[in-house]
């Protein structure tokens, strides 16, 4: 009889441990869902995109709202970050003078 009790107690502990693991996993999934549901879509505050040039204005810049195009500035090939909504430039990135 004591062997059965030991096995039952052991199974009870295994079931309790499994229930704790499932509960912890459920809480993690719930927390992740809440973070994704309530966190802001844009998470880029005051991005400094250029090495030489203007800085992106304060506020949020969403990756889906901007694009990059090639421009020539002072005889150098540069990249310009611009807003898709109106095509206005946000900033430019040019290689350092003397760089290839």
C-alpha atoms as a PDB file:
ATOM      1  CA  UNK A   1       0.000   0.000   0.000  1.00  0.00           C
ATOM      2  CA  UNK A   2       2.800   2.451   0.733  1.00  0.00           C
ATOM      3  CA  UNK A   3       4.159   1.971  -2.774  1.00  0.00           C
ATOM      4  CA  UNK A   4       0.816   3.039  -4.243  1.00  0.00           C
ATOM      5  CA  UNK A   5       0.741   6.089  -2.022  1.00  0.00           C
ATOM      6  CA  UNK A   6       4.280   7.027  -3.052  1.00  0.00           C
ATOM      7  CA  UNK A   7       3.367   6.652  -6.727  1.00  0.00           C
ATOM      8  CA  UNK A   8       0.178   8.678  -6.260  1.00  0.00           C
ATOM      9  CA  UNK A   9       2.077  11.408  -4.415  1.00  0.00           C
ATOM     10  CA  UNK A  10       4.732  11.443  -7.128  1.00  0.00           C
ATOM     11  CA  UNK A  11       2.090  11.710  -9.856  1.00  0.00           C
ATOM     12  CA  UNK A  12       0.376  14.470  -7.910  1.00  0.00           C
ATOM     13  CA  UNK A  13       3.615  16.442  -7.792  1.00  0.00           C
ATOM     14  CA  UNK A  14       4.172  15.927 -11.515  1.00  0.00           C
ATOM     15  CA  UNK A  15       0.642  17.113 -12.319  1.00  0.00           C
ATOM     16  CA  UNK A  16       1.076  20.141 -10.042  1.00  0.00           C
ATOM     17  CA  UNK A  17       4.421  21.015 -11.694  1.00  0.00           C
ATOM     18  CA  UNK A  18       2.876  20.683 -15.162  1.00  0.00           C
ATOM     19  CA  UNK A  19      -0.028  22.921 -14.111  1.00  0.00           C
ATOM     20  CA  UNK A  20       2.433  25.569 -12.870  1.00  0.00           C
ATOM     21  CA  UNK A  21       4.383  25.455 -16.135  1.00  0.00           C
ATOM     22  CA  UNK A  22       1.171  25.794 -18.165  1.00  0.00           C
ATOM     23  CA  UNK A  23      -0.020  28.680 -15.997  1.00  0.00           C
ATOM     24  CA  UNK A  24       3.321  30.492 -16.356  1.00  0.00           C
ATOM     25  CA  UNK A  25       3.285  29.966 -20.125  1.00  0.00           C
ATOM     26  CA  UNK A  26      -0.274  31.269 -20.301  1.00  0.00           C
ATOM     27  CA  UNK A  27       0.678  34.391 -18.350  1.00  0.00           C
ATOM     28  CA  UNK A  28       3.637  35.014 -20.657  1.00  0.00           C
ATOM     29  CA  UNK A  29       1.450  34.658 -23.748  1.00  0.00           C
ATOM     30  CA  UNK A  30      -1.174  36.947 -22.227  1.00  0.00           C
ATOM     31  CA  UNK A  31       1.485  39.538 -21.373  1.00  0.00           C
ATOM     32  CA  UNK A  32       2.919  39.386 -24.890  1.00  0.00           C
ATOM     33  CA  UNK A  33      -0.550  39.792 -26.391  1.00  0.00           C
ATOM     34  CA  UNK A  34      -1.283  42.785 -24.144  1.00  0.00           C
ATOM     35  CA  UNK A  35       2.047  44.403 -25.054  1.00  0.00           C
ATOM     36  CA  UNK A  36       1.379  43.945 -28.771  1.00  0.00           C
ATOM     37  CA  UNK A  37      -2.187  45.212 -28.460  1.00  0.00           C
ATOM     38  CA  UNK A  38      -1.475  48.339 -26.435  1.00  0.00           C
ATOM     39  CA  UNK A  39       2.095  49.331 -27.381  1.00  0.00           C
ATOM     40  CA  UNK A  40       2.432  52.142 -29.912  1.00  0.00           C
ATOM     41  CA  UNK A  41       3.025  51.112 -33.496  1.00  0.00           C
ATOM     42  CA  UNK A  42       5.971  53.486 -33.965  1.00  0.00           C
ATOM     43  CA  UNK A  43       8.886  52.983 -31.631  1.00  0.00           C
ATOM     44  CA  UNK A  44      11.528  55.250 -33.175  1.00  0.00           C
ATOM     45  CA  UNK A  45      11.922  58.438 -31.147  1.00  0.00           C
ATOM     46  CA  UNK A  46      14.214  61.108 -32.545  1.00  0.00           C
ATOM     47  CA  UNK A  47      16.100  58.880 -34.925  1.00  0.00           C
ATOM     48  CA  UNK A  48      19.538  60.133 -35.895  1.00  0.00           C
ATOM     49  CA  UNK A  49      19.816  58.739 -39.378  1.00  0.00           C
ATOM     50  CA  UNK A  50      22.550  60.907 -40.877  1.00  0.00           C
ATOM     51  CA  UNK A  51      26.222  61.201 -40.066  1.00  0.00           C
ATOM     52  CA  UNK A  52      26.521  64.693 -41.589  1.00  0.00           C
ATOM     53  CA  UNK A  53      23.415  66.758 -42.110  1.00  0.00           C
ATOM     54  CA  UNK A  54      20.086  67.504 -40.520  1.00  0.00           C
ATOM     55  CA  UNK A  55      18.663  65.486 -37.698  1.00  0.00           C
ATOM     56  CA  UNK A  56      15.239  63.873 -37.993  1.00  0.00           C
ATOM     57  CA  UNK A  57      12.711  66.126 -36.224  1.00  0.00           C
ATOM     58  CA  UNK A  58      11.462  65.309 -32.744  1.00  0.00           C
ATOM     59  CA  UNK A  59       8.537  62.953 -32.612  1.00  0.00           C
ATOM     60  CA  UNK A  60       7.919  59.541 -33.974  1.00  0.00           C
ATOM     61  CA  UNK A  61       9.116  58.302 -37.342  1.00  0.00           C
ATOM     62  CA  UNK A  62       7.559  55.056 -38.512  1.00  0.00           C
ATOM     63  CA  UNK A  63       9.460  52.867 -40.919  1.00  0.00           C
ATOM     64  CA  UNK A  64       6.321  52.379 -42.986  1.00  0.00           C
ATOM     65  CA  UNK A  65       5.999  56.166 -43.468  1.00  0.00           C
ATOM     66  CA  UNK A  66       9.442  56.840 -44.982  1.00  0.00           C
ATOM     67  CA  UNK A  67      11.581  55.684 -47.879  1.00  0.00           C
ATOM     68  CA  UNK A  68      15.082  56.300 -49.221  1.00  0.00           C
ATOM     69  CA  UNK A  69      16.139  57.722 -52.596  1.00  0.00           C
ATOM     70  CA  UNK A  70      19.518  58.498 -54.178  1.00  0.00           C
ATOM     71  CA  UNK A  71      20.437  62.153 -54.614  1.00  0.00           C
ATOM     72  CA  UNK A  72      23.542  64.101 -55.582  1.00  0.00           C
ATOM     73  CA  UNK A  73      24.644  66.649 -53.005  1.00  0.00           C
ATOM     74  CA  UNK A  74      27.800  68.750 -53.439  1.00  0.00           C
ATOM     75  CA  UNK A  75      29.040  66.347 -56.119  1.00  0.00           C
ATOM     76  CA  UNK A  76      28.647  63.295 -53.845  1.00  0.00           C
ATOM     77  CA  UNK A  77      26.191  60.436 -54.191  1.00  0.00           C
ATOM     78  CA  UNK A  78      23.994  60.532 -51.097  1.00  0.00           C
ATOM     79  CA  UNK A  79      20.876  58.902 -49.761  1.00  0.00           C
ATOM     80  CA  UNK A  80      17.880  60.971 -48.767  1.00  0.00           C
ATOM     81  CA  UNK A  81      15.260  59.866 -46.265  1.00  0.00           C
ATOM     82  CA  UNK A  82      11.856  61.250 -47.263  1.00  0.00           C
ATOM     83  CA  UNK A  83       8.257  61.050 -46.083  1.00  0.00           C
ATOM     84  CA  UNK A  84       5.954  58.993 -48.288  1.00  0.00           C
ATOM     85  CA  UNK A  85       2.903  61.123 -47.489  1.00  0.00           C
ATOM     86  CA  UNK A  86       4.235  64.297 -49.131  1.00  0.00           C
ATOM     87  CA  UNK A  87       7.655  63.460 -50.581  1.00  0.00           C
ATOM     88  CA  UNK A  88       9.401  66.064 -48.427  1.00  0.00           C
ATOM     89  CA  UNK A  89      12.940  65.220 -47.299  1.00  0.00           C
ATOM     90  CA  UNK A  90      13.551  64.340 -43.667  1.00  0.00           C
ATOM     91  CA  UNK A  91      17.320  64.039 -43.861  1.00  0.00           C
ATOM     92  CA  UNK A  92      20.249  62.900 -45.932  1.00  0.00           C
ATOM     93  CA  UNK A  93      23.195  60.591 -45.447  1.00  0.00           C
ATOM     94  CA  UNK A  94      26.372  61.254 -47.399  1.00  0.00           C
ATOM     95  CA  UNK A  95      29.675  59.388 -47.253  1.00  0.00           C
ATOM     96  CA  UNK A  96      32.457  61.154 -45.433  1.00  0.00           C
ATOM     97  CA  UNK A  97      34.626  63.383 -47.643  1.00  0.00           C
ATOM     98  CA  UNK A  98      37.349  61.312 -49.224  1.00  0.00           C
ATOM     99  CA  UNK A  99      35.473  58.033 -48.688  1.00  0.00           C
ATOM    100  CA  UNK A 100      34.907  55.799 -51.680  1.00  0.00           C
END
